[in-house]
Amino acid sequence: MRKIQLITILLTVTIGLLTEGSIFGVGMVQDRDNKPETIKYNQGIDVIIEDNHLKGPVELPLVDKNVKYSFEGFITGYSSTVHQTDNTPFTTASGKKVRDGIVANNYLPFGTKIKIPELFGEKVFVVEDRMNKRFGKSFVDIWFPSTQEAINFGIKKATVFVLE
């Protein structure tokens, strides 16, 4: 029962903060098994739950004031080869030429800027390409100059921050 109440409190607080439209942060709470849970929220404020009571906000480091929202994604790599793209491997689906910082995603509109801080720090990527339809919206494919670099990158799971 405590876990359900905790989630309800967090959702209520999170939804209330999201309407403010400011900045995101990451917080930690513990569930009934004392396992930490990470929550994402707006305003850079953490919520402390102690004995099923809200114990007030705590200021945390800010992620980025330009973040619209974030999602957990699978990050992969591709390069400009016909077997990984189509018969125009150096042109993206948006019509732009491939270059460092280009990513493919099937959900975000062309021109959307994203960050993947866990893997690339403050580097900003731009969605200019699409992936095979079998990949869902949580996949982000990063362009690499060589096939070997894309293979070496492999597949990783990370938080993707969509910027305004």
N, C-alpha and C. Protein backbone atom coordinates (compact mmCIF):
# COMPACT_ATOMS: atom_id res chain seq x y z
N MET A 1 0.82 -1.20 0.00
CA MET A 1 0.00 0.00 0.00
C MET A 1 0.86 1.26 0.00
N ARG A 2 1.96 1.26 0.76
CA ARG A 2 2.82 2.45 0.82
C ARG A 2 3.36 2.81 -0.56
N LYS A 3 3.72 1.80 -1.35
CA LYS A 3 4.26 2.05 -2.69
C LYS A 3 3.22 2.79 -3.53
N ILE A 4 1.98 2.40 -3.47
CA ILE A 4 0.92 3.07 -4.23
C ILE A 4 0.75 4.51 -3.75
N GLN A 5 0.74 4.71 -2.43
CA GLN A 5 0.62 6.06 -1.89
C GLN A 5 1.81 6.92 -2.31
N LEU A 6 3.00 6.35 -2.26
CA LEU A 6 4.20 7.08 -2.65
C LEU A 6 4.11 7.53 -4.10
N ILE A 7 3.71 6.63 -4.96
CA ILE A 7 3.57 6.97 -6.38
C ILE A 7 2.52 8.04 -6.56
N THR A 8 1.41 7.92 -5.86
CA THR A 8 0.36 8.93 -5.96
C THR A 8 0.87 10.30 -5.54
N ILE A 9 1.60 10.36 -4.44
CA ILE A 9 2.16 11.63 -3.97
C ILE A 9 3.12 12.19 -5.00
N LEU A 10 4.01 11.33 -5.52
CA LEU A 10 4.99 11.79 -6.50
C LEU A 10 4.32 12.29 -7.77
N LEU A 11 3.32 11.55 -8.24
CA LEU A 11 2.62 11.98 -9.45
C LEU A 11 1.93 13.31 -9.22
N THR A 12 1.30 13.46 -8.09
CA THR A 12 0.62 14.72 -7.79
C THR A 12 1.61 15.88 -7.76
N VAL A 13 2.71 15.70 -7.06
CA VAL A 13 3.72 16.75 -6.97
C VAL A 13 4.33 17.01 -8.34
N THR A 14 4.68 15.93 -9.06
CA THR A 14 5.31 16.08 -10.38
C THR A 14 4.38 16.80 -11.34
N ILE A 15 3.13 16.40 -11.40
CA ILE A 15 2.19 17.05 -12.31
C ILE A 15 2.04 18.52 -11.95
N GLY A 16 1.97 18.82 -10.67
CA GLY A 16 1.87 20.21 -10.24
C GLY A 16 3.08 21.02 -10.67
N LEU A 17 4.27 20.44 -10.55
CA LEU A 17 5.49 21.15 -10.92
C LEU A 17 5.64 21.29 -12.42
N LEU A 18 5.20 20.28 -13.18
CA LEU A 18 5.34 20.34 -14.63
C LEU A 18 4.55 21.49 -15.24
N THR A 19 3.48 21.88 -14.59
CA THR A 19 2.69 22.99 -15.12
C THR A 19 3.43 24.32 -15.02
N GLU A 20 4.43 24.38 -14.17
CA GLU A 20 5.20 25.61 -14.03
C GLU A 20 6.08 25.88 -15.25
N GLY A 21 6.52 24.82 -15.95
CA GLY A 21 7.28 24.96 -17.19
C GLY A 21 8.68 25.52 -17.05
N SER A 22 9.42 25.11 -16.05
CA SER A 22 10.75 25.67 -15.87
C SER A 22 11.83 24.65 -16.18
N ILE A 23 12.52 24.10 -15.19
CA ILE A 23 13.68 23.25 -15.45
C ILE A 23 13.56 21.89 -14.79
N PHE A 24 14.20 20.89 -15.41
CA PHE A 24 14.15 19.53 -14.93
C PHE A 24 15.31 19.21 -14.01
N GLY A 25 15.12 18.24 -13.15
CA GLY A 25 16.18 17.70 -12.33
C GLY A 25 15.90 16.23 -12.10
N VAL A 26 16.69 15.59 -11.28
CA VAL A 26 16.49 14.18 -10.99
C VAL A 26 16.53 14.01 -9.48
N GLY A 27 15.62 13.22 -8.94
CA GLY A 27 15.57 13.03 -7.50
C GLY A 27 15.55 11.57 -7.14
N MET A 28 15.78 11.29 -5.88
CA MET A 28 15.76 9.91 -5.39
C MET A 28 14.75 9.80 -4.26
N VAL A 29 13.96 8.73 -4.29
CA VAL A 29 13.10 8.39 -3.16
C VAL A 29 13.31 6.89 -2.92
N GLN A 30 12.81 6.40 -1.81
CA GLN A 30 12.94 4.97 -1.55
C GLN A 30 11.56 4.36 -1.45
N ASP A 31 11.44 3.15 -2.03
CA ASP A 31 10.16 2.46 -1.94
C ASP A 31 10.12 1.65 -0.65
N ARG A 32 9.09 0.83 -0.47
CA ARG A 32 8.92 0.10 0.79
C ARG A 32 10.02 -0.92 1.04
N ASP A 33 10.74 -1.34 0.01
CA ASP A 33 11.85 -2.26 0.17
C ASP A 33 13.16 -1.52 0.37
N ASN A 34 13.10 -0.22 0.56
CA ASN A 34 14.27 0.65 0.72
C ASN A 34 15.20 0.61 -0.49
N LYS A 35 14.64 0.36 -1.65
CA LYS A 35 15.40 0.44 -2.89
C LYS A 35 15.18 1.84 -3.46
N PRO A 36 16.26 2.52 -3.85
CA PRO A 36 16.08 3.88 -4.36
C PRO A 36 15.37 3.89 -5.70
N GLU A 37 14.55 4.88 -5.91
CA GLU A 37 13.88 5.09 -7.18
C GLU A 37 14.26 6.48 -7.68
N THR A 38 14.56 6.57 -8.96
CA THR A 38 14.86 7.86 -9.53
C THR A 38 13.59 8.43 -10.13
N ILE A 39 13.32 9.68 -9.85
CA ILE A 39 12.18 10.35 -10.46
C ILE A 39 12.69 11.55 -11.22
N LYS A 40 12.02 11.89 -12.30
CA LYS A 40 12.34 13.09 -13.04
C LYS A 40 11.23 14.08 -12.76
N TYR A 41 11.58 15.31 -12.60
CA TYR A 41 10.60 16.30 -12.24
C TYR A 41 11.06 17.64 -12.75
N ASN A 42 10.18 18.56 -12.68
CA ASN A 42 10.45 19.92 -13.13
C ASN A 42 10.91 20.75 -11.93
N GLN A 43 11.52 21.89 -12.20
CA GLN A 43 11.90 22.87 -11.19
C GLN A 43 13.15 22.53 -10.40
N GLY A 44 13.81 21.39 -10.66
CA GLY A 44 15.01 21.05 -9.91
C GLY A 44 14.74 20.80 -8.44
N ILE A 45 13.57 20.26 -8.11
CA ILE A 45 13.19 20.05 -6.71
C ILE A 45 12.97 18.56 -6.47
N ASP A 46 13.52 18.05 -5.38
CA ASP A 46 13.30 16.67 -4.99
C ASP A 46 12.21 16.63 -3.93
N VAL A 47 11.58 15.48 -3.82
CA VAL A 47 10.54 15.30 -2.82
C VAL A 47 11.01 14.20 -1.88
N ILE A 48 10.99 14.46 -0.59
CA ILE A 48 11.39 13.46 0.39
C ILE A 48 10.14 12.88 1.03
N ILE A 49 10.05 11.56 0.99
CA ILE A 49 8.93 10.86 1.61
C ILE A 49 9.49 10.12 2.82
N GLU A 50 8.93 10.40 3.99
CA GLU A 50 9.40 9.75 5.21
C GLU A 50 8.17 9.32 6.00
N ASP A 51 8.09 8.04 6.31
CA ASP A 51 6.91 7.50 7.00
C ASP A 51 5.62 7.92 6.31
N ASN A 52 5.64 7.87 5.00
CA ASN A 52 4.46 8.14 4.20
C ASN A 52 4.02 9.61 4.23
N HIS A 53 4.91 10.52 4.66
CA HIS A 53 4.58 11.94 4.69
C HIS A 53 5.54 12.71 3.80
N LEU A 54 5.01 13.70 3.15
CA LEU A 54 5.82 14.59 2.33
C LEU A 54 6.65 15.47 3.26
N LYS A 55 7.98 15.46 3.10
CA LYS A 55 8.86 16.18 4.00
C LYS A 55 9.50 17.42 3.36
N GLY A 56 8.95 17.90 2.30
CA GLY A 56 9.42 19.16 1.74
C GLY A 56 10.41 19.01 0.60
N PRO A 57 10.58 20.11 -0.13
CA PRO A 57 11.47 20.08 -1.29
C PRO A 57 12.93 20.27 -0.89
N VAL A 58 13.80 19.71 -1.71
CA VAL A 58 15.23 19.87 -1.54
C VAL A 58 15.79 20.33 -2.87
N GLU A 59 16.58 21.39 -2.88
CA GLU A 59 17.18 21.87 -4.12
C GLU A 59 18.24 20.90 -4.61
N LEU A 60 18.23 20.61 -5.90
CA LEU A 60 19.22 19.72 -6.52
C LEU A 60 19.86 20.41 -7.71
N PRO A 61 20.97 19.88 -8.20
CA PRO A 61 21.58 20.47 -9.40
C PRO A 61 20.61 20.43 -10.58
N LEU A 62 20.65 21.44 -11.41
CA LEU A 62 19.76 21.52 -12.55
C LEU A 62 20.37 20.82 -13.75
N VAL A 63 19.54 20.17 -14.56
CA VAL A 63 20.02 19.48 -15.74
C VAL A 63 20.19 20.47 -16.87
N ASP A 64 19.12 21.15 -17.27
CA ASP A 64 19.19 22.11 -18.37
C ASP A 64 17.87 22.87 -18.40
N LYS A 65 17.95 24.18 -18.41
CA LYS A 65 16.73 24.98 -18.39
C LYS A 65 15.97 24.91 -19.71
N ASN A 66 16.59 24.40 -20.77
CA ASN A 66 15.93 24.31 -22.07
C ASN A 66 15.30 22.96 -22.35
N VAL A 67 15.25 22.08 -21.36
CA VAL A 67 14.69 20.74 -21.55
C VAL A 67 13.17 20.80 -21.54
N LYS A 68 12.56 20.26 -22.61
CA LYS A 68 11.09 20.15 -22.66
C LYS A 68 10.64 18.92 -21.88
N TYR A 69 11.26 17.77 -22.19
CA TYR A 69 10.96 16.52 -21.51
C TYR A 69 12.09 15.54 -21.77
N SER A 70 12.02 14.39 -21.13
CA SER A 70 13.05 13.38 -21.32
C SER A 70 12.39 12.02 -21.43
N PHE A 71 13.13 11.07 -21.98
CA PHE A 71 12.66 9.69 -22.06
C PHE A 71 13.85 8.75 -22.01
N GLU A 72 13.60 7.52 -21.57
CA GLU A 72 14.64 6.50 -21.57
C GLU A 72 14.67 5.91 -22.98
N GLY A 73 15.86 5.90 -23.58
CA GLY A 73 15.97 5.43 -24.95
C GLY A 73 17.09 4.44 -25.14
N PHE A 74 17.02 3.74 -26.25
CA PHE A 74 18.09 2.85 -26.70
C PHE A 74 18.89 3.62 -27.74
N ILE A 75 20.16 3.78 -27.49
CA ILE A 75 21.02 4.58 -28.35
C ILE A 75 21.89 3.63 -29.16
N THR A 76 21.85 3.77 -30.48
CA THR A 76 22.62 2.93 -31.37
C THR A 76 23.41 3.83 -32.33
N GLY A 77 24.21 3.21 -33.19
CA GLY A 77 25.00 3.96 -34.14
C GLY A 77 24.83 3.43 -35.55
N TYR A 78 24.97 4.32 -36.54
CA TYR A 78 24.95 3.91 -37.94
C TYR A 78 25.96 4.75 -38.70
N SER A 79 26.26 4.33 -39.92
CA SER A 79 27.19 5.08 -40.76
C SER A 79 26.64 5.15 -42.18
N SER A 80 27.33 5.86 -43.04
CA SER A 80 26.85 6.09 -44.41
C SER A 80 27.24 4.95 -45.35
N THR A 81 26.56 3.83 -45.18
CA THR A 81 26.75 2.71 -46.10
C THR A 81 25.39 2.27 -46.61
N VAL A 82 25.34 1.80 -47.83
CA VAL A 82 24.06 1.43 -48.45
C VAL A 82 23.35 0.35 -47.64
N HIS A 83 24.08 -0.60 -47.07
CA HIS A 83 23.40 -1.67 -46.31
C HIS A 83 22.82 -1.17 -44.99
N GLN A 84 23.21 0.02 -44.53
CA GLN A 84 22.63 0.58 -43.31
C GLN A 84 21.62 1.68 -43.59
N THR A 85 21.59 2.18 -44.81
CA THR A 85 20.68 3.29 -45.14
C THR A 85 19.90 2.91 -46.39
N ASP A 86 19.94 3.75 -47.41
CA ASP A 86 19.34 3.43 -48.70
C ASP A 86 20.38 3.71 -49.78
N ASN A 87 19.95 3.95 -51.00
CA ASN A 87 20.92 4.16 -52.07
C ASN A 87 21.49 5.58 -52.11
N THR A 88 21.14 6.41 -51.13
CA THR A 88 21.75 7.75 -50.98
C THR A 88 22.28 7.88 -49.55
N PRO A 89 23.34 7.16 -49.23
CA PRO A 89 23.78 7.05 -47.83
C PRO A 89 24.32 8.33 -47.20
N PHE A 90 24.63 9.36 -47.99
CA PHE A 90 25.16 10.59 -47.41
C PHE A 90 24.10 11.69 -47.30
N THR A 91 22.84 11.35 -47.62
CA THR A 91 21.73 12.29 -47.51
C THR A 91 20.74 11.74 -46.50
N THR A 92 20.35 12.57 -45.54
CA THR A 92 19.39 12.14 -44.51
C THR A 92 17.97 12.17 -45.06
N ALA A 93 17.05 11.64 -44.31
CA ALA A 93 15.64 11.63 -44.71
C ALA A 93 15.08 13.05 -44.83
N SER A 94 15.69 14.01 -44.13
CA SER A 94 15.23 15.40 -44.20
C SER A 94 15.85 16.14 -45.39
N GLY A 95 16.77 15.46 -46.10
CA GLY A 95 17.41 16.08 -47.26
C GLY A 95 18.74 16.73 -46.96
N LYS A 96 19.16 16.73 -45.68
CA LYS A 96 20.45 17.32 -45.29
C LYS A 96 21.57 16.30 -45.51
N LYS A 97 22.78 16.79 -45.63
CA LYS A 97 23.96 15.92 -45.71
C LYS A 97 24.32 15.45 -44.30
N VAL A 98 24.80 14.21 -44.21
CA VAL A 98 25.21 13.69 -42.91
C VAL A 98 26.41 14.47 -42.39
N ARG A 99 26.49 14.56 -41.07
CA ARG A 99 27.60 15.25 -40.42
C ARG A 99 27.56 14.86 -38.94
N ASP A 100 28.62 15.22 -38.24
CA ASP A 100 28.68 14.97 -36.81
C ASP A 100 27.50 15.66 -36.13
N GLY A 101 26.83 14.96 -35.23
CA GLY A 101 25.71 15.53 -34.49
C GLY A 101 24.34 15.19 -35.06
N ILE A 102 24.31 14.45 -36.17
CA ILE A 102 23.03 14.04 -36.77
C ILE A 102 22.56 12.75 -36.10
N VAL A 103 21.27 12.68 -35.81
CA VAL A 103 20.68 11.45 -35.29
C VAL A 103 19.41 11.13 -36.06
N ALA A 104 19.06 9.85 -35.99
CA ALA A 104 17.81 9.37 -36.59
C ALA A 104 16.87 8.95 -35.47
N ASN A 105 15.60 9.25 -35.65
CA ASN A 105 14.55 8.84 -34.71
C ASN A 105 13.24 8.86 -35.48
N ASN A 106 12.36 7.92 -35.21
CA ASN A 106 11.11 7.81 -35.96
C ASN A 106 9.96 8.61 -35.37
N TYR A 107 10.16 9.26 -34.25
CA TYR A 107 9.07 9.94 -33.56
C TYR A 107 9.24 11.46 -33.52
N LEU A 108 10.44 11.91 -33.22
CA LEU A 108 10.69 13.35 -33.07
C LEU A 108 10.74 14.03 -34.44
N PRO A 109 10.19 15.23 -34.56
CA PRO A 109 10.21 15.95 -35.83
C PRO A 109 11.64 16.32 -36.25
N PHE A 110 11.85 16.45 -37.55
CA PHE A 110 13.15 16.90 -38.06
C PHE A 110 13.47 18.26 -37.42
N GLY A 111 14.74 18.45 -37.10
CA GLY A 111 15.17 19.70 -36.50
C GLY A 111 15.14 19.70 -34.98
N THR A 112 14.53 18.67 -34.37
CA THR A 112 14.47 18.59 -32.92
C THR A 112 15.88 18.41 -32.36
N LYS A 113 16.20 19.18 -31.33
CA LYS A 113 17.52 19.09 -30.69
C LYS A 113 17.40 18.25 -29.43
N ILE A 114 18.39 17.38 -29.23
CA ILE A 114 18.40 16.51 -28.06
C ILE A 114 19.80 16.48 -27.45
N LYS A 115 19.84 16.07 -26.18
CA LYS A 115 21.10 15.81 -25.48
C LYS A 115 21.01 14.42 -24.85
N ILE A 116 22.16 13.78 -24.76
CA ILE A 116 22.27 12.49 -24.08
C ILE A 116 23.44 12.61 -23.11
N PRO A 117 23.25 13.33 -22.00
CA PRO A 117 24.35 13.68 -21.10
C PRO A 117 25.12 12.49 -20.54
N GLU A 118 24.44 11.37 -20.28
CA GLU A 118 25.12 10.21 -19.71
C GLU A 118 26.23 9.71 -20.62
N LEU A 119 26.05 9.87 -21.93
CA LEU A 119 27.00 9.34 -22.91
C LEU A 119 27.85 10.41 -23.58
N PHE A 120 27.28 11.63 -23.75
CA PHE A 120 27.96 12.66 -24.55
C PHE A 120 28.05 14.02 -23.87
N GLY A 121 27.79 14.09 -22.59
CA GLY A 121 27.90 15.37 -21.88
C GLY A 121 26.95 16.42 -22.44
N GLU A 122 27.46 17.59 -22.75
CA GLU A 122 26.63 18.71 -23.20
C GLU A 122 26.44 18.76 -24.72
N LYS A 123 26.94 17.78 -25.44
CA LYS A 123 26.83 17.78 -26.91
C LYS A 123 25.35 17.77 -27.32
N VAL A 124 25.01 18.62 -28.27
CA VAL A 124 23.64 18.71 -28.78
C VAL A 124 23.58 17.99 -30.13
N PHE A 125 22.60 17.12 -30.29
CA PHE A 125 22.34 16.40 -31.53
C PHE A 125 21.08 16.95 -32.17
N VAL A 126 20.95 16.76 -33.49
CA VAL A 126 19.76 17.23 -34.22
C VAL A 126 19.16 16.05 -34.97
N VAL A 127 17.85 15.87 -34.83
CA VAL A 127 17.14 14.80 -35.56
C VAL A 127 16.98 15.24 -37.01
N GLU A 128 17.64 14.53 -37.92
CA GLU A 128 17.55 14.83 -39.35
C GLU A 128 17.33 13.58 -40.18
N ASP A 129 17.20 12.42 -39.52
CA ASP A 129 17.10 11.17 -40.27
C ASP A 129 16.07 10.27 -39.60
N ARG A 130 15.68 9.21 -40.29
CA ARG A 130 14.73 8.22 -39.79
C ARG A 130 15.40 6.86 -39.75
N MET A 131 14.80 5.96 -39.00
CA MET A 131 15.30 4.60 -38.87
C MET A 131 14.35 3.65 -39.58
N ASN A 132 14.74 2.40 -39.67
CA ASN A 132 13.85 1.38 -40.18
C ASN A 132 12.57 1.37 -39.34
N LYS A 133 11.44 1.11 -39.96
CA LYS A 133 10.15 1.19 -39.27
C LYS A 133 10.01 0.20 -38.12
N ARG A 134 10.86 -0.82 -38.09
CA ARG A 134 10.75 -1.80 -37.00
C ARG A 134 11.20 -1.22 -35.65
N PHE A 135 11.91 -0.08 -35.68
CA PHE A 135 12.37 0.55 -34.45
C PHE A 135 11.33 1.54 -33.95
N GLY A 136 11.06 1.48 -32.67
CA GLY A 136 10.05 2.35 -32.08
C GLY A 136 10.58 3.73 -31.77
N LYS A 137 9.74 4.52 -31.11
CA LYS A 137 10.07 5.91 -30.85
C LYS A 137 11.14 6.10 -29.79
N SER A 138 11.47 5.05 -29.04
CA SER A 138 12.49 5.21 -28.00
C SER A 138 13.90 4.89 -28.50
N PHE A 139 14.06 4.67 -29.80
CA PHE A 139 15.39 4.42 -30.38
C PHE A 139 15.96 5.70 -30.98
N VAL A 140 17.22 5.97 -30.69
CA VAL A 140 17.94 7.10 -31.28
C VAL A 140 19.20 6.51 -31.91
N ASP A 141 19.38 6.76 -33.20
CA ASP A 141 20.50 6.21 -33.95
C ASP A 141 21.45 7.37 -34.29
N ILE A 142 22.67 7.31 -33.79
CA ILE A 142 23.64 8.39 -33.97
C ILE A 142 24.51 8.09 -35.19
N TRP A 143 24.70 9.10 -36.05
CA TRP A 143 25.55 8.92 -37.22
C TRP A 143 27.02 8.98 -36.83
N PHE A 144 27.80 8.01 -37.34
CA PHE A 144 29.24 7.97 -37.16
C PHE A 144 29.92 7.99 -38.53
N PRO A 145 31.11 8.57 -38.64
CA PRO A 145 31.80 8.66 -39.92
C PRO A 145 32.21 7.30 -40.50
N SER A 146 32.38 6.28 -39.64
CA SER A 146 32.77 4.96 -40.15
C SER A 146 31.89 3.86 -39.55
N THR A 147 31.79 2.78 -40.30
CA THR A 147 31.02 1.63 -39.83
C THR A 147 31.64 1.07 -38.55
N GLN A 148 32.96 1.02 -38.49
CA GLN A 148 33.63 0.47 -37.31
C GLN A 148 33.30 1.28 -36.05
N GLU A 149 33.24 2.60 -36.16
CA GLU A 149 32.88 3.44 -35.01
C GLU A 149 31.46 3.14 -34.55
N ALA A 150 30.55 2.94 -35.51
CA ALA A 150 29.16 2.62 -35.17
C ALA A 150 29.08 1.26 -34.48
N ILE A 151 29.83 0.29 -35.00
CA ILE A 151 29.85 -1.05 -34.38
C ILE A 151 30.45 -0.98 -32.98
N ASN A 152 31.55 -0.25 -32.84
CA ASN A 152 32.19 -0.12 -31.53
C ASN A 152 31.28 0.55 -30.51
N PHE A 153 30.44 1.48 -30.95
CA PHE A 153 29.51 2.16 -30.05
C PHE A 153 28.50 1.16 -29.50
N GLY A 154 28.00 0.28 -30.36
CA GLY A 154 27.06 -0.75 -29.93
C GLY A 154 25.67 -0.20 -29.64
N ILE A 155 25.05 -0.73 -28.61
CA ILE A 155 23.73 -0.26 -28.17
C ILE A 155 23.81 0.04 -26.68
N LYS A 156 23.27 1.18 -26.30
CA LYS A 156 23.30 1.61 -24.90
C LYS A 156 21.91 2.12 -24.52
N LYS A 157 21.62 2.09 -23.25
CA LYS A 157 20.38 2.66 -22.75
C LYS A 157 20.73 3.92 -21.97
N ALA A 158 20.04 5.01 -22.25
CA ALA A 158 20.34 6.27 -21.58
C ALA A 158 19.11 7.18 -21.62
N THR A 159 19.14 8.21 -20.80
CA THR A 159 18.09 9.22 -20.79
C THR A 159 18.37 10.22 -21.91
N VAL A 160 17.35 10.46 -22.72
CA VAL A 160 17.43 11.42 -23.83
C VAL A 160 16.63 12.65 -23.40
N PHE A 161 17.28 13.82 -23.46
CA PHE A 161 16.61 15.07 -23.11
C PHE A 161 16.25 15.82 -24.39
N VAL A 162 14.97 16.08 -24.58
CA VAL A 162 14.49 16.83 -25.74
C VAL A 162 14.49 18.30 -25.37
N LEU A 163 15.18 19.09 -26.19
CA LEU A 163 15.33 20.51 -25.91
C LEU A 163 14.27 21.33 -26.60
N GLU A 164 14.01 22.53 -26.09
CA GLU A 164 13.02 23.42 -26.71
C GLU A 164 13.58 24.04 -27.96
